[in-house]
């Protein structure tokens, strides 16, 4: 058994795909626009890698979950990066809005940004 796919609810899957690939650097695993289906993967990963489905939030339960997390300032997902400070600077330069500067805590170095698609995303230093 292995992890095949997980999802994150977004307000607009096409816009989320553009942000997650164009700004964050993920790669497209599968796109079927006529079905509002957008799946991304880690850069350089093969097609058998874990996919992240950019799930439409048109389901009231999904929308309530997404909005509830966002309203509380809670990240919906965590992405690992080798250097949070460097990624923070790169993304700020690209216009991404963070909750604050990177911080160090018991779990390591982290920073949280708004993806502009209805979610906060946490960066965690690998």
C-alpha atoms as a PDB file:
ATOM      1  CA  UNK A   1       0.000   0.000   0.000  1.00  0.00           C
ATOM      2  CA  UNK A   2       1.211   3.524  -0.760  1.00  0.00           C
ATOM      3  CA  UNK A   3      -0.078   7.045  -0.727  1.00  0.00           C
ATOM      4  CA  UNK A   4      -1.503   7.736  -4.202  1.00  0.00           C
ATOM      5  CA  UNK A   5      -3.212  11.117  -3.933  1.00  0.00           C
ATOM      6  CA  UNK A   6      -4.391  13.676  -1.440  1.00  0.00           C
ATOM      7  CA  UNK A   7      -6.394  16.827  -2.004  1.00  0.00           C
ATOM      8  CA  UNK A   8      -6.739  20.404  -0.922  1.00  0.00           C
ATOM      9  CA  UNK A   9      -9.968  22.336  -1.442  1.00  0.00           C
ATOM     10  CA  UNK A  10      -9.534  25.495  -3.492  1.00  0.00           C
ATOM     11  CA  UNK A  11     -11.889  28.221  -4.681  1.00  0.00           C
ATOM     12  CA  UNK A  12     -10.837  27.955  -8.333  1.00  0.00           C
ATOM     13  CA  UNK A  13      -8.871  24.856  -9.434  1.00  0.00           C
ATOM     14  CA  UNK A  14      -7.564  26.467 -12.647  1.00  0.00           C
ATOM     15  CA  UNK A  15      -6.266  29.538 -10.769  1.00  0.00           C
ATOM     16  CA  UNK A  16      -4.825  27.296  -8.058  1.00  0.00           C
ATOM     17  CA  UNK A  17      -3.065  25.231 -10.731  1.00  0.00           C
ATOM     18  CA  UNK A  18      -1.526  28.384 -12.203  1.00  0.00           C
ATOM     19  CA  UNK A  19      -0.309  29.497  -8.745  1.00  0.00           C
ATOM     20  CA  UNK A  20       0.938  26.110  -7.572  1.00  0.00           C
ATOM     21  CA  UNK A  21       2.841  25.453 -10.816  1.00  0.00           C
ATOM     22  CA  UNK A  22       3.833  28.973 -11.885  1.00  0.00           C
ATOM     23  CA  UNK A  23       4.688  30.491  -8.501  1.00  0.00           C
ATOM     24  CA  UNK A  24       5.394  27.575  -6.190  1.00  0.00           C
ATOM     25  CA  UNK A  25       7.125  25.376  -8.785  1.00  0.00           C
ATOM     26  CA  UNK A  26       5.063  22.185  -8.680  1.00  0.00           C
ATOM     27  CA  UNK A  27       4.546  20.294 -11.927  1.00  0.00           C
ATOM     28  CA  UNK A  28       1.361  19.190 -13.654  1.00  0.00           C
ATOM     29  CA  UNK A  29       0.470  15.533 -13.195  1.00  0.00           C
ATOM     30  CA  UNK A  30      -2.944  15.683 -14.889  1.00  0.00           C
ATOM     31  CA  UNK A  31      -5.153  18.459 -16.243  1.00  0.00           C
ATOM     32  CA  UNK A  32      -8.633  17.966 -17.682  1.00  0.00           C
ATOM     33  CA  UNK A  33     -10.109  21.505 -17.724  1.00  0.00           C
ATOM     34  CA  UNK A  34     -13.508  20.425 -19.032  1.00  0.00           C
ATOM     35  CA  UNK A  35     -13.952  18.423 -15.804  1.00  0.00           C
ATOM     36  CA  UNK A  36     -12.305  21.065 -13.590  1.00  0.00           C
ATOM     37  CA  UNK A  37      -9.654  18.435 -12.780  1.00  0.00           C
ATOM     38  CA  UNK A  38      -6.173  19.678 -11.861  1.00  0.00           C
ATOM     39  CA  UNK A  39      -3.575  17.457 -10.193  1.00  0.00           C
ATOM     40  CA  UNK A  40       0.000  18.519  -9.446  1.00  0.00           C
ATOM     41  CA  UNK A  41       3.111  16.682  -8.286  1.00  0.00           C
ATOM     42  CA  UNK A  42       6.502  17.408  -6.800  1.00  0.00           C
ATOM     43  CA  UNK A  43       9.024  18.904  -9.244  1.00  0.00           C
ATOM     44  CA  UNK A  44      10.987  16.159 -10.977  1.00  0.00           C
ATOM     45  CA  UNK A  45       8.822  13.354  -9.560  1.00  0.00           C
ATOM     46  CA  UNK A  46       7.715  10.605 -11.901  1.00  0.00           C
ATOM     47  CA  UNK A  47       4.097  10.043 -12.885  1.00  0.00           C
ATOM     48  CA  UNK A  48       3.747   7.349 -10.197  1.00  0.00           C
ATOM     49  CA  UNK A  49       4.402   9.852  -7.413  1.00  0.00           C
ATOM     50  CA  UNK A  50       1.838  11.218  -4.987  1.00  0.00           C
ATOM     51  CA  UNK A  51      -0.539  13.665  -6.622  1.00  0.00           C
ATOM     52  CA  UNK A  52      -2.155  16.691  -5.016  1.00  0.00           C
ATOM     53  CA  UNK A  53      -5.692  17.176  -6.311  1.00  0.00           C
ATOM     54  CA  UNK A  54      -6.731  20.833  -6.377  1.00  0.00           C
ATOM     55  CA  UNK A  55     -10.269  20.026  -5.319  1.00  0.00           C
ATOM     56  CA  UNK A  56     -13.112  22.407  -6.240  1.00  0.00           C
ATOM     57  CA  UNK A  57     -14.756  23.800  -3.107  1.00  0.00           C
ATOM     58  CA  UNK A  58     -18.219  23.668  -4.663  1.00  0.00           C
ATOM     59  CA  UNK A  59     -19.248  21.017  -2.126  1.00  0.00           C
ATOM     60  CA  UNK A  60     -20.719  22.783   0.950  1.00  0.00           C
ATOM     61  CA  UNK A  61     -18.829  20.475   3.316  1.00  0.00           C
ATOM     62  CA  UNK A  62     -15.526  21.106   1.512  1.00  0.00           C
ATOM     63  CA  UNK A  63     -16.155  24.847   1.381  1.00  0.00           C
ATOM     64  CA  UNK A  64     -17.007  24.965   5.096  1.00  0.00           C
ATOM     65  CA  UNK A  65     -13.810  23.063   5.930  1.00  0.00           C
ATOM     66  CA  UNK A  66     -11.638  25.263   3.694  1.00  0.00           C
ATOM     67  CA  UNK A  67     -13.211  28.505   4.946  1.00  0.00           C
ATOM     68  CA  UNK A  68     -13.119  27.394   8.588  1.00  0.00           C
ATOM     69  CA  UNK A  69      -9.397  26.638   8.437  1.00  0.00           C
ATOM     70  CA  UNK A  70      -8.663  29.890   6.613  1.00  0.00           C
ATOM     71  CA  UNK A  71     -10.747  31.990   9.008  1.00  0.00           C
ATOM     72  CA  UNK A  72      -8.851  30.435  11.936  1.00  0.00           C
ATOM     73  CA  UNK A  73      -5.483  31.046  10.247  1.00  0.00           C
ATOM     74  CA  UNK A  74      -4.709  27.307  10.224  1.00  0.00           C
ATOM     75  CA  UNK A  75      -2.643  25.879   7.361  1.00  0.00           C
ATOM     76  CA  UNK A  76      -4.504  23.341   5.232  1.00  0.00           C
ATOM     77  CA  UNK A  77      -1.281  21.649   4.089  1.00  0.00           C
ATOM     78  CA  UNK A  78       2.457  21.585   4.818  1.00  0.00           C
ATOM     79  CA  UNK A  79       5.170  21.634   2.147  1.00  0.00           C
ATOM     80  CA  UNK A  80       8.771  20.718   2.883  1.00  0.00           C
ATOM     81  CA  UNK A  81      11.606  22.891   1.634  1.00  0.00           C
ATOM     82  CA  UNK A  82      15.354  22.680   2.244  1.00  0.00           C
ATOM     83  CA  UNK A  83      15.631  26.348   3.292  1.00  0.00           C
ATOM     84  CA  UNK A  84      12.541  28.176   4.595  1.00  0.00           C
ATOM     85  CA  UNK A  85      14.331  31.568   4.704  1.00  0.00           C
ATOM     86  CA  UNK A  86      15.370  31.331   1.040  1.00  0.00           C
ATOM     87  CA  UNK A  87      11.918  30.153  -0.050  1.00  0.00           C
ATOM     88  CA  UNK A  88      10.298  32.926   2.002  1.00  0.00           C
ATOM     89  CA  UNK A  89      12.439  35.565   0.236  1.00  0.00           C
ATOM     90  CA  UNK A  90      11.727  34.054  -3.203  1.00  0.00           C
ATOM     91  CA  UNK A  91       7.980  33.928  -2.643  1.00  0.00           C
ATOM     92  CA  UNK A  92       7.769  37.409  -1.096  1.00  0.00           C
ATOM     93  CA  UNK A  93       9.574  38.634  -4.218  1.00  0.00           C
ATOM     94  CA  UNK A  94       6.860  36.932  -6.279  1.00  0.00           C
ATOM     95  CA  UNK A  95       4.134  38.777  -4.351  1.00  0.00           C
ATOM     96  CA  UNK A  96       3.071  35.955  -2.019  1.00  0.00           C
ATOM     97  CA  UNK A  97       1.653  37.180   1.303  1.00  0.00           C
ATOM     98  CA  UNK A  98       2.907  35.533   4.488  1.00  0.00           C
ATOM     99  CA  UNK A  99       1.353  35.623   7.962  1.00  0.00           C
ATOM    100  CA  UNK A 100       4.765  36.691   9.258  1.00  0.00           C
ATOM    101  CA  UNK A 101       8.458  36.040   8.881  1.00  0.00           C
ATOM    102  CA  UNK A 102       9.865  32.520   9.263  1.00  0.00           C
ATOM    103  CA  UNK A 103      10.099  31.315  12.847  1.00  0.00           C
ATOM    104  CA  UNK A 104      11.911  28.582  14.738  1.00  0.00           C
ATOM    105  CA  UNK A 105      10.035  26.344  17.137  1.00  0.00           C
ATOM    106  CA  UNK A 106      10.141  22.858  18.605  1.00  0.00           C
ATOM    107  CA  UNK A 107       9.161  21.340  15.242  1.00  0.00           C
ATOM    108  CA  UNK A 108      11.746  23.339  13.266  1.00  0.00           C
ATOM    109  CA  UNK A 109      11.711  26.366  10.988  1.00  0.00           C
ATOM    110  CA  UNK A 110       8.356  27.280   9.475  1.00  0.00           C
ATOM    111  CA  UNK A 111       6.538  30.061   7.649  1.00  0.00           C
ATOM    112  CA  UNK A 112       2.876  30.324   6.625  1.00  0.00           C
ATOM    113  CA  UNK A 113       1.523  32.001   3.490  1.00  0.00           C
ATOM    114  CA  UNK A 114      -1.853  32.572   1.845  1.00  0.00           C
ATOM    115  CA  UNK A 115      -2.179  30.736  -1.468  1.00  0.00           C
ATOM    116  CA  UNK A 116      -4.842  33.190  -2.677  1.00  0.00           C
ATOM    117  CA  UNK A 117      -7.074  30.193  -3.409  1.00  0.00           C
ATOM    118  CA  UNK A 118      -8.691  29.884   0.025  1.00  0.00           C
ATOM    119  CA  UNK A 119      -5.898  28.310   2.054  1.00  0.00           C
ATOM    120  CA  UNK A 120      -2.965  28.979   4.279  1.00  0.00           C
ATOM    121  CA  UNK A 121       0.063  26.826   3.481  1.00  0.00           C
ATOM    122  CA  UNK A 122       2.894  26.103   5.887  1.00  0.00           C
ATOM    123  CA  UNK A 123       6.482  25.727   4.730  1.00  0.00           C
ATOM    124  CA  UNK A 124       8.563  23.435   6.916  1.00  0.00           C
ATOM    125  CA  UNK A 125      12.322  23.120   6.652  1.00  0.00           C
ATOM    126  CA  UNK A 126      13.363  19.555   5.776  1.00  0.00           C
END
